[in-house]
N, C-alpha and C. Protein backbone atom coordinates (compact mmCIF):
# COMPACT_ATOMS: atom_id res chain seq x y z
N MET A 1 0.85 -1.18 0.00
CA MET A 1 0.00 0.00 0.00
C MET A 1 0.90 1.24 0.00
N ASN A 2 0.60 2.21 -0.88
CA ASN A 2 1.42 3.42 -0.90
C ASN A 2 0.92 4.43 0.14
N VAL A 3 1.65 5.48 0.32
CA VAL A 3 1.35 6.47 1.36
C VAL A 3 -0.03 7.10 1.14
N LEU A 4 -0.36 7.45 -0.10
CA LEU A 4 -1.67 8.07 -0.36
C LEU A 4 -2.81 7.11 -0.06
N ASP A 5 -2.65 5.83 -0.44
CA ASP A 5 -3.68 4.84 -0.13
C ASP A 5 -3.86 4.69 1.37
N GLU A 6 -2.74 4.58 2.06
CA GLU A 6 -2.79 4.41 3.52
C GLU A 6 -3.42 5.62 4.20
N PHE A 7 -3.00 6.81 3.77
CA PHE A 7 -3.54 8.04 4.36
C PHE A 7 -5.04 8.16 4.08
N THR A 8 -5.44 7.87 2.84
CA THR A 8 -6.86 7.93 2.48
C THR A 8 -7.68 6.97 3.33
N THR A 9 -7.20 5.77 3.50
CA THR A 9 -7.89 4.77 4.32
C THR A 9 -7.97 5.22 5.77
N THR A 10 -6.86 5.69 6.32
CA THR A 10 -6.82 6.12 7.72
C THR A 10 -7.77 7.28 7.98
N VAL A 11 -7.72 8.29 7.11
CA VAL A 11 -8.57 9.47 7.30
C VAL A 11 -10.04 9.12 7.08
N SER A 12 -10.32 8.31 6.07
CA SER A 12 -11.71 7.91 5.82
C SER A 12 -12.30 7.20 7.03
N LYS A 13 -11.54 6.28 7.58
CA LYS A 13 -12.02 5.56 8.78
C LYS A 13 -12.20 6.51 9.95
N ALA A 14 -11.25 7.41 10.16
CA ALA A 14 -11.32 8.34 11.29
C ALA A 14 -12.52 9.27 11.18
N LEU A 15 -12.90 9.60 9.94
CA LEU A 15 -14.03 10.51 9.73
C LEU A 15 -15.36 9.78 9.50
N GLY A 16 -15.31 8.45 9.55
CA GLY A 16 -16.52 7.67 9.36
C GLY A 16 -17.05 7.72 7.94
N LEU A 17 -16.13 7.83 6.97
CA LEU A 17 -16.53 7.90 5.56
C LEU A 17 -16.43 6.54 4.89
N ASP A 18 -17.30 6.32 3.94
CA ASP A 18 -17.27 5.12 3.13
C ASP A 18 -16.19 5.31 2.08
N GLU A 19 -15.15 4.50 2.11
CA GLU A 19 -14.05 4.65 1.16
C GLU A 19 -14.49 4.51 -0.28
N ALA A 20 -15.59 3.82 -0.51
CA ALA A 20 -16.09 3.66 -1.87
C ALA A 20 -16.54 4.99 -2.46
N VAL A 21 -16.85 5.95 -1.61
CA VAL A 21 -17.29 7.26 -2.06
C VAL A 21 -16.11 8.19 -2.30
N VAL A 22 -14.97 7.86 -1.73
CA VAL A 22 -13.80 8.72 -1.83
C VAL A 22 -13.08 8.46 -3.14
N ASP A 23 -13.12 9.46 -4.03
CA ASP A 23 -12.41 9.36 -5.31
C ASP A 23 -11.17 10.25 -5.21
N ARG A 24 -10.12 9.70 -4.64
CA ARG A 24 -8.90 10.45 -4.38
C ARG A 24 -8.34 11.09 -5.65
N ASP A 25 -8.31 10.34 -6.74
CA ASP A 25 -7.75 10.86 -7.98
C ASP A 25 -8.55 12.04 -8.51
N LEU A 26 -9.86 11.99 -8.37
CA LEU A 26 -10.71 13.11 -8.78
C LEU A 26 -10.34 14.37 -8.00
N VAL A 27 -10.18 14.24 -6.71
CA VAL A 27 -9.83 15.39 -5.86
C VAL A 27 -8.43 15.90 -6.20
N LEU A 28 -7.49 15.00 -6.42
CA LEU A 28 -6.13 15.42 -6.76
C LEU A 28 -6.08 16.15 -8.10
N HIS A 29 -6.84 15.67 -9.08
CA HIS A 29 -6.88 16.35 -10.38
C HIS A 29 -7.55 17.71 -10.25
N LEU A 30 -8.62 17.76 -9.47
CA LEU A 30 -9.31 19.03 -9.25
C LEU A 30 -8.37 20.06 -8.62
N THR A 31 -7.69 19.66 -7.57
CA THR A 31 -6.82 20.62 -6.89
C THR A 31 -5.65 21.04 -7.77
N LYS A 32 -5.16 20.14 -8.62
CA LYS A 32 -4.11 20.50 -9.58
C LYS A 32 -4.62 21.56 -10.55
N ASP A 33 -5.83 21.35 -11.10
CA ASP A 33 -6.40 22.32 -12.03
C ASP A 33 -6.60 23.69 -11.38
N VAL A 34 -7.11 23.69 -10.17
CA VAL A 34 -7.34 24.95 -9.46
C VAL A 34 -6.01 25.63 -9.15
N ALA A 35 -5.04 24.88 -8.67
CA ALA A 35 -3.74 25.47 -8.34
C ALA A 35 -3.08 26.10 -9.56
N HIS A 36 -3.19 25.44 -10.70
CA HIS A 36 -2.53 25.95 -11.91
C HIS A 36 -3.30 27.07 -12.60
N ASN A 37 -4.63 27.03 -12.54
CA ASN A 37 -5.44 27.99 -13.28
C ASN A 37 -5.94 29.17 -12.44
N VAL A 38 -5.95 29.01 -11.14
CA VAL A 38 -6.45 30.08 -10.27
C VAL A 38 -5.30 30.57 -9.41
N ALA A 39 -5.00 29.83 -8.36
CA ALA A 39 -3.88 30.13 -7.47
C ALA A 39 -3.70 28.93 -6.55
N ARG A 40 -2.46 28.70 -6.14
CA ARG A 40 -2.19 27.56 -5.26
C ARG A 40 -3.05 27.53 -4.01
N PRO A 41 -3.19 28.66 -3.29
CA PRO A 41 -3.99 28.62 -2.07
C PRO A 41 -5.47 28.31 -2.32
N ALA A 42 -5.91 28.46 -3.57
CA ALA A 42 -7.31 28.16 -3.88
C ALA A 42 -7.58 26.65 -3.95
N ALA A 43 -6.54 25.85 -4.11
CA ALA A 43 -6.72 24.40 -4.27
C ALA A 43 -7.35 23.72 -3.05
N PRO A 44 -6.81 23.90 -1.85
CA PRO A 44 -7.46 23.26 -0.71
C PRO A 44 -8.83 23.87 -0.41
N LEU A 45 -8.98 25.15 -0.70
CA LEU A 45 -10.29 25.78 -0.51
C LEU A 45 -11.31 25.16 -1.45
N ALA A 46 -10.92 24.94 -2.70
CA ALA A 46 -11.82 24.31 -3.66
C ALA A 46 -12.21 22.90 -3.21
N ALA A 47 -11.25 22.14 -2.72
CA ALA A 47 -11.55 20.78 -2.25
C ALA A 47 -12.53 20.82 -1.08
N PHE A 48 -12.33 21.75 -0.18
CA PHE A 48 -13.24 21.89 0.96
C PHE A 48 -14.64 22.26 0.49
N LEU A 49 -14.74 23.21 -0.44
CA LEU A 49 -16.05 23.64 -0.94
C LEU A 49 -16.75 22.51 -1.70
N VAL A 50 -15.99 21.72 -2.44
CA VAL A 50 -16.57 20.56 -3.12
C VAL A 50 -17.15 19.59 -2.08
N GLY A 51 -16.41 19.36 -1.00
CA GLY A 51 -16.90 18.48 0.06
C GLY A 51 -18.18 19.00 0.69
N LEU A 52 -18.23 20.31 0.94
CA LEU A 52 -19.45 20.90 1.51
C LEU A 52 -20.63 20.74 0.56
N ALA A 53 -20.41 21.07 -0.72
CA ALA A 53 -21.48 20.97 -1.70
C ALA A 53 -21.96 19.53 -1.86
N ALA A 54 -21.01 18.59 -1.91
CA ALA A 54 -21.37 17.19 -2.05
C ALA A 54 -22.16 16.71 -0.84
N GLY A 55 -21.73 17.11 0.35
CA GLY A 55 -22.46 16.73 1.56
C GLY A 55 -23.87 17.29 1.57
N LYS A 56 -24.01 18.52 1.14
CA LYS A 56 -25.32 19.17 1.09
C LYS A 56 -26.25 18.46 0.11
N ALA A 57 -25.64 17.94 -0.97
CA ALA A 57 -26.42 17.25 -2.01
C ALA A 57 -26.73 15.79 -1.67
N GLY A 58 -26.18 15.28 -0.59
CA GLY A 58 -26.44 13.90 -0.19
C GLY A 58 -25.19 13.12 0.15
N GLY A 59 -24.05 13.54 -0.38
CA GLY A 59 -22.79 12.94 0.02
C GLY A 59 -22.36 11.70 -0.73
N GLY A 60 -23.08 11.32 -1.77
CA GLY A 60 -22.70 10.14 -2.53
C GLY A 60 -21.61 10.44 -3.54
N ALA A 61 -21.09 9.38 -4.13
CA ALA A 61 -20.02 9.52 -5.12
C ALA A 61 -20.43 10.41 -6.28
N ASP A 62 -21.67 10.29 -6.73
CA ASP A 62 -22.15 11.14 -7.82
C ASP A 62 -22.20 12.60 -7.42
N ASP A 63 -22.52 12.87 -6.15
CA ASP A 63 -22.57 14.25 -5.64
C ASP A 63 -21.17 14.86 -5.62
N VAL A 64 -20.19 14.06 -5.21
CA VAL A 64 -18.80 14.53 -5.20
C VAL A 64 -18.35 14.81 -6.62
N ARG A 65 -18.62 13.88 -7.51
CA ARG A 65 -18.19 14.03 -8.91
C ARG A 65 -18.82 15.27 -9.54
N ALA A 66 -20.11 15.48 -9.32
CA ALA A 66 -20.80 16.63 -9.92
C ALA A 66 -20.22 17.94 -9.41
N ALA A 67 -19.99 18.03 -8.12
CA ALA A 67 -19.43 19.26 -7.54
C ALA A 67 -18.01 19.49 -8.05
N ALA A 68 -17.21 18.43 -8.11
CA ALA A 68 -15.83 18.55 -8.57
C ALA A 68 -15.78 18.97 -10.03
N GLU A 69 -16.65 18.40 -10.84
CA GLU A 69 -16.67 18.76 -12.27
C GLU A 69 -17.06 20.21 -12.46
N LYS A 70 -18.00 20.71 -11.66
CA LYS A 70 -18.38 22.12 -11.74
C LYS A 70 -17.21 23.03 -11.42
N VAL A 71 -16.52 22.72 -10.34
CA VAL A 71 -15.39 23.55 -9.91
C VAL A 71 -14.24 23.46 -10.91
N ALA A 72 -13.98 22.27 -11.43
CA ALA A 72 -12.91 22.10 -12.41
C ALA A 72 -13.19 22.92 -13.66
N ALA A 73 -14.44 22.93 -14.11
CA ALA A 73 -14.81 23.72 -15.29
C ALA A 73 -14.62 25.20 -15.02
N LEU A 74 -15.02 25.64 -13.83
CA LEU A 74 -14.83 27.04 -13.46
C LEU A 74 -13.35 27.40 -13.42
N ALA A 75 -12.54 26.51 -12.87
CA ALA A 75 -11.10 26.77 -12.75
C ALA A 75 -10.44 26.84 -14.12
N LYS A 76 -10.83 25.95 -15.02
CA LYS A 76 -10.20 25.92 -16.35
C LYS A 76 -10.49 27.19 -17.13
N GLY A 77 -11.64 27.80 -16.90
CA GLY A 77 -11.97 29.02 -17.62
C GLY A 77 -11.81 30.27 -16.79
N TYR A 78 -11.15 30.14 -15.65
CA TYR A 78 -11.07 31.26 -14.71
C TYR A 78 -10.16 32.37 -15.21
N THR A 79 -10.67 33.58 -15.10
CA THR A 79 -9.90 34.77 -15.37
C THR A 79 -10.05 35.67 -14.17
N ALA A 80 -8.93 36.01 -13.55
CA ALA A 80 -8.97 36.86 -12.36
C ALA A 80 -9.51 38.23 -12.71
N PRO A 81 -10.31 38.81 -11.82
CA PRO A 81 -10.79 40.17 -12.06
C PRO A 81 -9.61 41.14 -12.18
N ASP A 82 -9.81 42.23 -12.88
CA ASP A 82 -8.76 43.26 -13.01
C ASP A 82 -8.24 43.67 -11.65
N GLY A 83 -6.94 43.85 -11.56
CA GLY A 83 -6.33 44.30 -10.32
C GLY A 83 -5.90 43.17 -9.40
N GLU A 84 -6.10 41.92 -9.82
CA GLU A 84 -5.70 40.80 -8.96
C GLU A 84 -4.53 40.07 -9.53
């Protein structure tokens, strides 16, 4: 088991999450897109917001995927407002 697998399993268990719902690669790709297209500090914020939105929608794997896809699309087309 690699470090990411072990960490994902440990944290999922500690938080009472079903590992089948945790799509680690989806979250890692999302945070990479946000970090590169928006700003590095926005990456963990985006992951947190995706988690909140998915939880609000029911918390299933489809809810996570839908929220992540929305944020990834926003990040890919993101243009900072003037002056930022």
